[in-house]
Amino acid sequence: MKTWQKSVAAVSGVIILTVVFSMTVFAGGPPLKEKPCGFCHKDYKVIMPKTHPDVGAAAANSCLSCHAPDPARAEASKFSAAIHKAHKEGGKTTLECAACHAL
């Protein structure tokens, strides 16, 4: 194998590893800040849909205690899609990504 072919193979390998690593780390989207909902929402019962099952005392916890994103998934969960629709895409309010995500 010629020197330039070895170089191309090495660079290609590094690029592939970088892409695979990036997809693994950021598959669930940018990481969330600690307790991102609690900054704006103090009483989670107020914002729960009427059809949400009763969570009892767990309502004092963040929504993410039950609806945590799965970093292994490449696509957004239904919960994540609903949150983005309500907060980012013309919902009740429009927030910048950095309001919830640690960028």
PDB file of N, CA and C in Angstrom:
ATOM      1  N   MET A   1       0.852  -1.175   0.000  1.00  0.00           N
ATOM      2  CA  MET A   1       0.000   0.000   0.000  1.00  0.00           C
ATOM      3  C   MET A   1       0.898   1.237   0.000  1.00  0.00           C
ATOM      4  N   LYS A   2       0.547   2.183  -0.852  1.00  0.00           N
ATOM      5  CA  LYS A   2       1.342   3.400  -0.972  1.00  0.00           C
ATOM      6  C   LYS A   2       1.087   4.317   0.219  1.00  0.00           C
ATOM      7  N   THR A   3       1.996   5.246   0.418  1.00  0.00           N
ATOM      8  CA  THR A   3       1.914   6.169   1.552  1.00  0.00           C
ATOM      9  C   THR A   3       0.634   6.990   1.519  1.00  0.00           C
ATOM     10  N   TRP A   4       0.254   7.522   0.364  1.00  0.00           N
ATOM     11  CA  TRP A   4      -0.950   8.351   0.286  1.00  0.00           C
ATOM     12  C   TRP A   4      -2.202   7.524   0.568  1.00  0.00           C
ATOM     13  N   GLN A   5      -2.204   6.247   0.188  1.00  0.00           N
ATOM     14  CA  GLN A   5      -3.343   5.390   0.469  1.00  0.00           C
ATOM     15  C   GLN A   5      -3.463   5.127   1.974  1.00  0.00           C
ATOM     16  N   LYS A   6      -2.327   4.955   2.628  1.00  0.00           N
ATOM     17  CA  LYS A   6      -2.336   4.772   4.081  1.00  0.00           C
ATOM     18  C   LYS A   6      -2.858   6.020   4.773  1.00  0.00           C
ATOM     19  N   SER A   7      -2.443   7.177   4.273  1.00  0.00           N
ATOM     20  CA  SER A   7      -2.902   8.446   4.857  1.00  0.00           C
ATOM     21  C   SER A   7      -4.410   8.615   4.684  1.00  0.00           C
ATOM     22  N   VAL A   8      -4.899   8.313   3.491  1.00  0.00           N
ATOM     23  CA  VAL A   8      -6.337   8.425   3.227  1.00  0.00           C
ATOM     24  C   VAL A   8      -7.106   7.456   4.122  1.00  0.00           C
ATOM     25  N   ALA A   9      -6.614   6.237   4.277  1.00  0.00           N
ATOM     26  CA  ALA A   9      -7.270   5.249   5.135  1.00  0.00           C
ATOM     27  C   ALA A   9      -7.276   5.709   6.592  1.00  0.00           C
ATOM     28  N   ALA A  10      -6.182   6.279   7.066  1.00  0.00           N
ATOM     29  CA  ALA A  10      -6.097   6.752   8.449  1.00  0.00           C
ATOM     30  C   ALA A  10      -7.054   7.917   8.687  1.00  0.00           C
ATOM     31  N   VAL A  11      -7.070   8.875   7.782  1.00  0.00           N
ATOM     32  CA  VAL A  11      -7.963  10.033   7.917  1.00  0.00           C
ATOM     33  C   VAL A  11      -9.419   9.582   7.852  1.00  0.00           C
ATOM     34  N   SER A  12      -9.732   8.658   6.961  1.00  0.00           N
ATOM     35  CA  SER A  12     -11.100   8.133   6.853  1.00  0.00           C
ATOM     36  C   SER A  12     -11.509   7.442   8.150  1.00  0.00           C
ATOM     37  N   GLY A  13     -10.594   6.682   8.725  1.00  0.00           N
ATOM     38  CA  GLY A  13     -10.883   6.011   9.988  1.00  0.00           C
ATOM     39  C   GLY A  13     -11.167   6.992  11.102  1.00  0.00           C
ATOM     40  N   VAL A  14     -10.387   8.056  11.176  1.00  0.00           N
ATOM     41  CA  VAL A  14     -10.590   9.084  12.204  1.00  0.00           C
ATOM     42  C   VAL A  14     -11.935   9.771  12.008  1.00  0.00           C
ATOM     43  N   ILE A  15     -12.282  10.066  10.776  1.00  0.00           N
ATOM     44  CA  ILE A  15     -13.568  10.718  10.492  1.00  0.00           C
ATOM     45  C   ILE A  15     -14.727   9.812  10.897  1.00  0.00           C
ATOM     46  N   ILE A  16     -14.636   8.548  10.553  1.00  0.00           N
ATOM     47  CA  ILE A  16     -15.701   7.601  10.897  1.00  0.00           C
ATOM     48  C   ILE A  16     -15.843   7.476  12.416  1.00  0.00           C
ATOM     49  N   LEU A  17     -14.730   7.352  13.121  1.00  0.00           N
ATOM     50  CA  LEU A  17     -14.790   7.266  14.586  1.00  0.00           C
ATOM     51  C   LEU A  17     -15.381   8.528  15.199  1.00  0.00           C
ATOM     52  N   THR A  18     -15.016   9.685  14.661  1.00  0.00           N
ATOM     53  CA  THR A  18     -15.550  10.954  15.165  1.00  0.00           C
ATOM     54  C   THR A  18     -17.059  11.023  14.965  1.00  0.00           C
ATOM     55  N   VAL A  19     -17.530  10.625  13.804  1.00  0.00           N
ATOM     56  CA  VAL A  19     -18.968  10.657  13.522  1.00  0.00           C
ATOM     57  C   VAL A  19     -19.711   9.692  14.444  1.00  0.00           C
ATOM     58  N   VAL A  20     -19.206   8.481  14.597  1.00  0.00           N
ATOM     59  CA  VAL A  20     -19.856   7.495  15.460  1.00  0.00           C
ATOM     60  C   VAL A  20     -19.883   7.992  16.904  1.00  0.00           C
ATOM     61  N   PHE A  21     -18.786   8.546  17.389  1.00  0.00           N
ATOM     62  CA  PHE A  21     -18.734   9.081  18.753  1.00  0.00           C
ATOM     63  C   PHE A  21     -19.729  10.219  18.924  1.00  0.00           C
ATOM     64  N   SER A  22     -19.779  11.138  17.975  1.00  0.00           N
ATOM     65  CA  SER A  22     -20.700  12.277  18.057  1.00  0.00           C
ATOM     66  C   SER A  22     -22.146  11.815  18.066  1.00  0.00           C
ATOM     67  N   MET A  23     -22.470  10.841  17.238  1.00  0.00           N
ATOM     68  CA  MET A  23     -23.843  10.341  17.192  1.00  0.00           C
ATOM     69  C   MET A  23     -24.212   9.668  18.509  1.00  0.00           C
ATOM     70  N   THR A  24     -23.273   8.990  19.115  1.00  0.00           N
ATOM     71  CA  THR A  24     -23.530   8.323  20.389  1.00  0.00           C
ATOM     72  C   THR A  24     -23.750   9.324  21.506  1.00  0.00           C
ATOM     73  N   VAL A  25     -22.918  10.343  21.558  1.00  0.00           N
ATOM     74  CA  VAL A  25     -22.998  11.333  22.625  1.00  0.00           C
ATOM     75  C   VAL A  25     -24.212  12.232  22.475  1.00  0.00           C
ATOM     76  N   PHE A  26     -24.516  12.666  21.256  1.00  0.00           N
ATOM     77  CA  PHE A  26     -25.570  13.652  21.043  1.00  0.00           C
ATOM     78  C   PHE A  26     -26.835  13.082  20.424  1.00  0.00           C
ATOM     79  N   ALA A  27     -27.027  11.778  20.473  1.00  0.00           N
ATOM     80  CA  ALA A  27     -28.196  11.162  19.844  1.00  0.00           C
ATOM     81  C   ALA A  27     -29.503  11.702  20.413  1.00  0.00           C
ATOM     82  N   GLY A  28     -29.560  11.959  21.700  1.00  0.00           N
ATOM     83  CA  GLY A  28     -30.787  12.462  22.324  1.00  0.00           C
ATOM     84  C   GLY A  28     -30.901  13.973  22.269  1.00  0.00           C
ATOM     85  N   GLY A  29     -30.041  14.648  21.548  1.00  0.00           N
ATOM     86  CA  GLY A  29     -30.035  16.096  21.478  1.00  0.00           C
ATOM     87  C   GLY A  29     -29.022  16.655  22.455  1.00  0.00           C
ATOM     88  N   PRO A  30     -28.907  17.967  22.485  1.00  0.00           N
ATOM     89  CA  PRO A  30     -27.962  18.578  23.414  1.00  0.00           C
ATOM     90  C   PRO A  30     -28.334  18.253  24.851  1.00  0.00           C
ATOM     91  N   PRO A  31     -27.353  18.151  25.735  1.00  0.00           N
ATOM     92  CA  PRO A  31     -27.669  17.807  27.127  1.00  0.00           C
ATOM     93  C   PRO A  31     -28.521  18.878  27.798  1.00  0.00           C
ATOM     94  N   LEU A  32     -29.378  18.441  28.695  1.00  0.00           N
ATOM     95  CA  LEU A  32     -30.252  19.365  29.419  1.00  0.00           C
ATOM     96  C   LEU A  32     -29.538  19.941  30.629  1.00  0.00           C
ATOM     97  N   LYS A  33     -29.956  21.138  31.013  1.00  0.00           N
ATOM     98  CA  LYS A  33     -29.481  21.725  32.262  1.00  0.00           C
ATOM     99  C   LYS A  33     -30.084  20.938  33.419  1.00  0.00           C
ATOM    100  N   GLU A  34     -29.538  21.127  34.598  1.00  0.00           N
ATOM    101  CA  GLU A  34     -30.108  20.477  35.775  1.00  0.00           C
ATOM    102  C   GLU A  34     -31.441  21.137  36.105  1.00  0.00           C
ATOM    103  N   LYS A  35     -32.478  20.346  36.247  1.00  0.00           N
ATOM    104  CA  LYS A  35     -33.844  20.804  36.540  1.00  0.00           C
ATOM    105  C   LYS A  35     -34.284  21.932  35.603  1.00  0.00           C
ATOM    106  N   PRO A  36     -34.305  21.689  34.300  1.00  0.00           N
ATOM    107  CA  PRO A  36     -34.646  22.761  33.367  1.00  0.00           C
ATOM    108  C   PRO A  36     -36.082  23.250  33.478  1.00  0.00           C
ATOM    109  N   CYS A  37     -37.005  22.383  33.850  1.00  0.00           N
ATOM    110  CA  CYS A  37     -38.419  22.798  33.947  1.00  0.00           C
ATOM    111  C   CYS A  37     -38.671  23.672  35.171  1.00  0.00           C
ATOM    112  N   GLY A  38     -37.963  23.386  36.258  1.00  0.00           N
ATOM    113  CA  GLY A  38     -38.188  24.063  37.526  1.00  0.00           C
ATOM    114  C   GLY A  38     -37.854  25.537  37.520  1.00  0.00           C
ATOM    115  N   PHE A  39     -37.081  25.998  36.547  1.00  0.00           N
ATOM    116  CA  PHE A  39     -36.748  27.418  36.487  1.00  0.00           C
ATOM    117  C   PHE A  39     -38.010  28.253  36.239  1.00  0.00           C
ATOM    118  N   CYS A  40     -38.896  27.754  35.375  1.00  0.00           N
ATOM    119  CA  CYS A  40     -40.129  28.488  35.051  1.00  0.00           C
ATOM    120  C   CYS A  40     -41.361  27.908  35.740  1.00  0.00           C
ATOM    121  N   HIS A  41     -41.367  26.604  35.942  1.00  0.00           N
ATOM    122  CA  HIS A  41     -42.548  25.927  36.486  1.00  0.00           C
ATOM    123  C   HIS A  41     -42.294  25.499  37.924  1.00  0.00           C
ATOM    124  N   LYS A  42     -43.034  26.077  38.841  1.00  0.00           N
ATOM    125  CA  LYS A  42     -42.863  25.750  40.268  1.00  0.00           C
ATOM    126  C   LYS A  42     -43.826  24.646  40.712  1.00  0.00           C
ATOM    127  N   ASP A  43     -45.015  24.574  40.103  1.00  0.00           N
ATOM    128  CA  ASP A  43     -46.019  23.569  40.462  1.00  0.00           C
ATOM    129  C   ASP A  43     -46.331  22.755  39.206  1.00  0.00           C
ATOM    130  N   TYR A  44     -45.795  21.550  39.155  1.00  0.00           N
ATOM    131  CA  TYR A  44     -45.945  20.732  37.955  1.00  0.00           C
ATOM    132  C   TYR A  44     -47.370  20.247  37.745  1.00  0.00           C
ATOM    133  N   LYS A  45     -48.165  20.151  38.803  1.00  0.00           N
ATOM    134  CA  LYS A  45     -49.556  19.713  38.649  1.00  0.00           C
ATOM    135  C   LYS A  45     -50.335  20.680  37.770  1.00  0.00           C
ATOM    136  N   VAL A  46     -49.969  21.943  37.812  1.00  0.00           N
ATOM    137  CA  VAL A  46     -50.668  22.963  37.033  1.00  0.00           C
ATOM    138  C   VAL A  46     -50.470  22.742  35.530  1.00  0.00           C
ATOM    139  N   ILE A  47     -49.304  22.266  35.134  1.00  0.00           N
ATOM    140  CA  ILE A  47     -49.010  22.128  33.703  1.00  0.00           C
ATOM    141  C   ILE A  47     -49.252  20.727  33.158  1.00  0.00           C
ATOM    142  N   MET A  48     -49.571  19.762  34.036  1.00  0.00           N
ATOM    143  CA  MET A  48     -49.840  18.403  33.553  1.00  0.00           C
ATOM    144  C   MET A  48     -51.140  18.376  32.772  1.00  0.00           C
ATOM    145  N   PRO A  49     -51.163  17.639  31.676  1.00  0.00           N
ATOM    146  CA  PRO A  49     -52.423  17.503  30.933  1.00  0.00           C
ATOM    147  C   PRO A  49     -53.490  16.854  31.810  1.00  0.00           C
ATOM    148  N   LYS A  50     -54.735  17.185  31.561  1.00  0.00           N
ATOM    149  CA  LYS A  50     -55.844  16.638  32.357  1.00  0.00           C
ATOM    150  C   LYS A  50     -55.886  15.108  32.261  1.00  0.00           C
ATOM    151  N   THR A  51     -55.391  14.556  31.152  1.00  0.00           N
ATOM    152  CA  THR A  51     -55.420  13.105  30.949  1.00  0.00           C
ATOM    153  C   THR A  51     -54.216  12.395  31.564  1.00  0.00           C
ATOM    154  N   HIS A  52     -53.304  13.151  32.181  1.00  0.00           N
ATOM    155  CA  HIS A  52     -52.104  12.550  32.763  1.00  0.00           C
ATOM    156  C   HIS A  52     -52.488  11.709  33.968  1.00  0.00           C
ATOM    157  N   PRO A  53     -51.922  10.501  34.080  1.00  0.00           N
ATOM    158  CA  PRO A  53     -52.212   9.686  35.271  1.00  0.00           C
ATOM    159  C   PRO A  53     -51.780  10.405  36.550  1.00  0.00           C
ATOM    160  N   ASP A  54     -52.502  10.140  37.627  1.00  0.00           N
ATOM    161  CA  ASP A  54     -52.155  10.753  38.911  1.00  0.00           C
ATOM    162  C   ASP A  54     -50.777  10.253  39.353  1.00  0.00           C
ATOM    163  N   VAL A  55     -49.906  11.176  39.704  1.00  0.00           N
ATOM    164  CA  VAL A  55     -48.552  10.805  40.126  1.00  0.00           C
ATOM    165  C   VAL A  55     -48.350  11.041  41.613  1.00  0.00           C
ATOM    166  N   GLY A  56     -49.374  11.503  42.294  1.00  0.00           N
ATOM    167  CA  GLY A  56     -49.296  11.698  43.741  1.00  0.00           C
ATOM    168  C   GLY A  56     -48.181  12.643  44.137  1.00  0.00           C
ATOM    169  N   ALA A  57     -47.405  12.230  45.119  1.00  0.00           N
ATOM    170  CA  ALA A  57     -46.320  13.065  45.641  1.00  0.00           C
ATOM    171  C   ALA A  57     -45.205  13.274  44.627  1.00  0.00           C
ATOM    172  N   ALA A  58     -45.137  12.419  43.614  1.00  0.00           N
ATOM    173  CA  ALA A  58     -44.098  12.565  42.588  1.00  0.00           C
ATOM    174  C   ALA A  58     -44.285  13.844  41.776  1.00  0.00           C
ATOM    175  N   ALA A  59     -45.455  14.470  41.867  1.00  0.00           N
ATOM    176  CA  ALA A  59     -45.700  15.715  41.141  1.00  0.00           C
ATOM    177  C   ALA A  59     -44.780  16.832  41.610  1.00  0.00           C
ATOM    178  N   ALA A  60     -44.176  16.665  42.762  1.00  0.00           N
ATOM    179  CA  ALA A  60     -43.219  17.659  43.263  1.00  0.00           C
ATOM    180  C   ALA A  60     -41.895  17.566  42.514  1.00  0.00           C
ATOM    181  N   ASN A  61     -41.688  16.470  41.790  1.00  0.00           N
ATOM    182  CA  ASN A  61     -40.457  16.284  41.030  1.00  0.00           C
ATOM    183  C   ASN A  61     -40.614  16.821  39.616  1.00  0.00           C
ATOM    184  N   SER A  62     -39.505  16.998  38.962  1.00  0.00           N
ATOM    185  CA  SER A  62     -39.505  17.442  37.577  1.00  0.00           C
ATOM    186  C   SER A  62     -40.157  16.405  36.681  1.00  0.00           C
ATOM    187  N   CYS A  63     -40.732  16.853  35.584  1.00  0.00           N
ATOM    188  CA  CYS A  63     -41.298  15.944  34.587  1.00  0.00           C
ATOM    189  C   CYS A  63     -40.242  14.946  34.113  1.00  0.00           C
ATOM    190  N   LEU A  64     -38.990  15.395  34.111  1.00  0.00           N
ATOM    191  CA  LEU A  64     -37.913  14.559  33.599  1.00  0.00           C
ATOM    192  C   LEU A  64     -37.554  13.410  34.532  1.00  0.00           C
ATOM    193  N   SER A  65     -38.112  13.404  35.751  1.00  0.00           N
ATOM    194  CA  SER A  65     -37.859  12.269  36.622  1.00  0.00           C
ATOM    195  C   SER A  65     -38.530  11.012  36.061  1.00  0.00           C
ATOM    196  N   CYS A  66     -39.608  11.180  35.318  1.00  0.00           N
ATOM    197  CA  CYS A  66     -40.264  10.046  34.649  1.00  0.00           C
ATOM    198  C   CYS A  66     -40.025  10.049  33.137  1.00  0.00           C
ATOM    199  N   HIS A  67     -39.919  11.233  32.563  1.00  0.00           N
ATOM    200  CA  HIS A  67     -39.805  11.373  31.109  1.00  0.00           C
ATOM    201  C   HIS A  67     -38.376  11.727  30.697  1.00  0.00           C
ATOM    202  N   ALA A  68     -37.403  11.077  31.285  1.00  0.00           N
ATOM    203  CA  ALA A  68     -35.998  11.359  30.973  1.00  0.00           C
ATOM    204  C   ALA A  68     -35.687  10.967  29.529  1.00  0.00           C
ATOM    205  N   PRO A  69     -34.922  11.799  28.836  1.00  0.00           N
ATOM    206  CA  PRO A  69     -34.538  11.444  27.467  1.00  0.00           C
ATOM    207  C   PRO A  69     -33.614  10.230  27.472  1.00  0.00           C
ATOM    208  N   ASP A  70     -33.731   9.432  26.429  1.00  0.00           N
ATOM    209  CA  ASP A  70     -32.885   8.248  26.277  1.00  0.00           C
ATOM    210  C   ASP A  70     -31.767   8.590  25.301  1.00  0.00           C
ATOM    211  N   PRO A  71     -30.533   8.753  25.773  1.00  0.00           N
ATOM    212  CA  PRO A  71     -29.440   9.144  24.890  1.00  0.00           C
ATOM    213  C   PRO A  71     -29.138   8.115  23.806  1.00  0.00           C
ATOM    214  N   ALA A  72     -29.627   6.891  23.955  1.00  0.00           N
ATOM    215  CA  ALA A  72     -29.370   5.861  22.949  1.00  0.00           C
ATOM    216  C   ALA A  72     -30.300   6.006  21.742  1.00  0.00           C
ATOM    217  N   ARG A  73     -31.375   6.766  21.904  1.00  0.00           N
ATOM    218  CA  ARG A  73     -32.329   6.950  20.800  1.00  0.00           C
ATOM    219  C   ARG A  73     -31.877   8.075  19.894  1.00  0.00           C
ATOM    220  N   ALA A  74     -31.984   7.858  18.599  1.00  0.00           N
ATOM    221  CA  ALA A  74     -31.591   8.880  17.637  1.00  0.00           C
ATOM    222  C   ALA A  74     -32.725   9.876  17.399  1.00  0.00           C
ATOM    223  N   GLU A  75     -33.967   9.473  17.684  1.00  0.00           N
ATOM    224  CA  GLU A  75     -35.091  10.364  17.444  1.00  0.00           C
ATOM    225  C   GLU A  75     -35.657  10.869  18.765  1.00  0.00           C
ATOM    226  N   ALA A  76     -36.404  11.941  18.671  1.00  0.00           N
ATOM    227  CA  ALA A  76     -36.993  12.540  19.869  1.00  0.00           C
ATOM    228  C   ALA A  76     -38.139  11.677  20.377  1.00  0.00           C
ATOM    229  N   SER A  77     -38.317  11.671  21.694  1.00  0.00           N
ATOM    230  CA  SER A  77     -39.450  10.963  22.289  1.00  0.00           C
ATOM    231  C   SER A  77     -40.715  11.799  22.085  1.00  0.00           C
ATOM    232  N   LYS A  78     -41.887  11.193  22.332  1.00  0.00           N
ATOM    233  CA  LYS A  78     -43.136  11.944  22.222  1.00  0.00           C
ATOM    234  C   LYS A  78     -43.147  13.104  23.206  1.00  0.00           C
ATOM    235  N   PHE A  79     -42.617  12.877  24.413  1.00  0.00           N
ATOM    236  CA  PHE A  79     -42.560  13.933  25.427  1.00  0.00           C
ATOM    237  C   PHE A  79     -41.685  15.086  24.941  1.00  0.00           C
ATOM    238  N   SER A  80     -40.518  14.764  24.420  1.00  0.00           N
ATOM    239  CA  SER A  80     -39.605  15.796  23.933  1.00  0.00           C
ATOM    240  C   SER A  80     -40.236  16.598  22.797  1.00  0.00           C
ATOM    241  N   ALA A  81     -40.898  15.910  21.891  1.00  0.00           N
ATOM    242  CA  ALA A  81     -41.553  16.593  20.773  1.00  0.00           C
ATOM    243  C   ALA A  81     -42.643  17.537  21.280  1.00  0.00           C
ATOM    244  N   ALA A  82     -43.415  17.090  22.276  1.00  0.00           N
ATOM    245  CA  ALA A  82     -44.482  17.937  22.835  1.00  0.00           C
ATOM    246  C   ALA A  82     -43.902  19.155  23.547  1.00  0.00           C
ATOM    247  N   ILE A  83     -42.808  18.957  24.283  1.00  0.00           N
ATOM    248  CA  ILE A  83     -42.174  20.075  24.993  1.00  0.00           C
ATOM    249  C   ILE A  83     -41.642  21.099  23.991  1.00  0.00           C
ATOM    250  N   HIS A  84     -40.982  20.626  22.942  1.00  0.00           N
ATOM    251  CA  HIS A  84     -40.459  21.551  21.930  1.00  0.00           C
ATOM    252  C   HIS A  84     -41.592  22.285  21.214  1.00  0.00           C
ATOM    253  N   LYS A  85     -42.696  21.594  20.963  1.00  0.00           N
ATOM    254  CA  LYS A  85     -43.836  22.235  20.301  1.00  0.00           C
ATOM    255  C   LYS A  85     -44.408  23.348  21.175  1.00  0.00           C
ATOM    256  N   ALA A  86     -44.501  23.111  22.477  1.00  0.00           N
ATOM    257  CA  ALA A  86     -45.077  24.095  23.403  1.00  0.00           C
ATOM    258  C   ALA A  86     -44.132  25.255  23.701  1.00  0.00           C
ATOM    259  N   HIS A  87     -42.821  25.012  23.655  1.00  0.00           N
ATOM    260  CA  HIS A  87     -41.871  26.026  24.091  1.00  0.00           C
ATOM    261  C   HIS A  87     -41.020  26.625  22.974  1.00  0.00           C
ATOM    262  N   LYS A  88     -41.001  26.012  21.842  1.00  0.00           N
ATOM    263  CA  LYS A  88     -40.084  26.460  20.794  1.00  0.00           C
ATOM    264  C   LYS A  88     -40.793  26.785  19.486  1.00  0.00           C
ATOM    265  N   GLU A  89     -41.776  25.991  19.127  1.00  0.00           N
ATOM    266  CA  GLU A  89     -42.354  26.079  17.782  1.00  0.00           C
ATOM    267  C   GLU A  89     -43.724  26.746  17.775  1.00  0.00           C
ATOM    268  N   GLY A  90     -43.802  27.948  18.309  1.00  0.00           N
ATOM    269  CA  GLY A  90     -45.051  28.691  18.260  1.00  0.00           C
ATOM    270  C   GLY A  90     -46.087  28.276  19.288  1.00  0.00           C
ATOM    271  N   GLY A  91     -45.662  27.682  20.362  1.00  0.00           N
ATOM    272  CA  GLY A  91     -46.582  27.294  21.428  1.00  0.00           C
ATOM    273  C   GLY A  91     -46.924  28.501  22.291  1.00  0.00           C
ATOM    274  N   LYS A  92     -47.125  28.273  23.564  1.00  0.00           N
ATOM    275  CA  LYS A  92     -47.491  29.347  24.487  1.00  0.00           C
ATOM    276  C   LYS A  92     -46.383  30.368  24.644  1.00  0.00           C
ATOM    277  N   THR A  93     -45.159  29.939  24.488  1.00  0.00           N
ATOM    278  CA  THR A  93     -44.005  30.824  24.631  1.00  0.00           C
ATOM    279  C   THR A  93     -42.927  30.364  23.666  1.00  0.00           C
ATOM    280  N   THR A  94     -41.997  31.226  23.369  1.00  0.00           N
ATOM    281  CA  THR A  94     -40.893  30.848  22.498  1.00  0.00           C
ATOM    282  C   THR A  94     -39.597  31.082  23.269  1.00  0.00           C
ATOM    283  N   LEU A  95     -38.892  29.994  23.556  1.00  0.00           N
ATOM    284  CA  LEU A  95     -37.656  30.058  24.301  1.00  0.00           C
ATOM    285  C   LEU A  95     -36.467  29.763  23.403  1.00  0.00           C
ATOM    286  N   GLU A  96     -35.329  30.292  23.760  1.00  0.00           N
ATOM    287  CA  GLU A  96     -34.087  29.932  23.095  1.00  0.00           C
ATOM    288  C   GLU A  96     -33.673  28.554  23.596  1.00  0.00           C
ATOM    289  N   CYS A  97     -32.926  27.823  22.808  1.00  0.00           N
ATOM    290  CA  CYS A  97     -32.480  26.479  23.189  1.00  0.00           C
ATOM    291  C   CYS A  97     -31.722  26.483  24.528  1.00  0.00           C
ATOM    292  N   ALA A  98     -30.924  27.520  24.753  1.00  0.00           N
ATOM    293  CA  ALA A  98     -30.101  27.592  25.960  1.00  0.00           C
ATOM    294  C   ALA A  98     -30.931  27.777  27.236  1.00  0.00           C
ATOM    295  N   ALA A  99     -32.217  28.055  27.120  1.00  0.00           N
ATOM    296  CA  ALA A  99     -33.061  28.167  28.308  1.00  0.00           C
ATOM    297  C   ALA A  99     -33.171  26.816  29.019  1.00  0.00           C
ATOM    298  N   CYS A 100     -33.149  25.733  28.255  1.00  0.00           N
ATOM    299  CA  CYS A 100     -33.294  24.390  28.829  1.00  0.00           C
ATOM    300  C   CYS A 100     -32.048  23.519  28.641  1.00  0.00           C
ATOM    301  N   HIS A 101     -31.334  23.782  27.573  1.00  0.00           N
ATOM    302  CA  HIS A 101     -30.184  22.930  27.232  1.00  0.00           C
ATOM    303  C   HIS A 101     -28.858  23.574  27.636  1.00  0.00           C
ATOM    304  N   ALA A 102     -27.949  22.748  28.093  1.00  0.00           N
ATOM    305  CA  ALA A 102     -26.593  23.191  28.411  1.00  0.00           C
ATOM    306  C   ALA A 102     -25.783  23.130  27.125  1.00  0.00           C
ATOM    307  N   LEU A 103     -25.654  24.252  26.483  1.00  0.00           N
ATOM    308  CA  LEU A 103     -24.952  24.298  25.184  1.00  0.00           C
ATOM    309  C   LEU A 103     -23.519  24.749  25.337  1.00  0.00           C
TER     310      LEU A 103
END
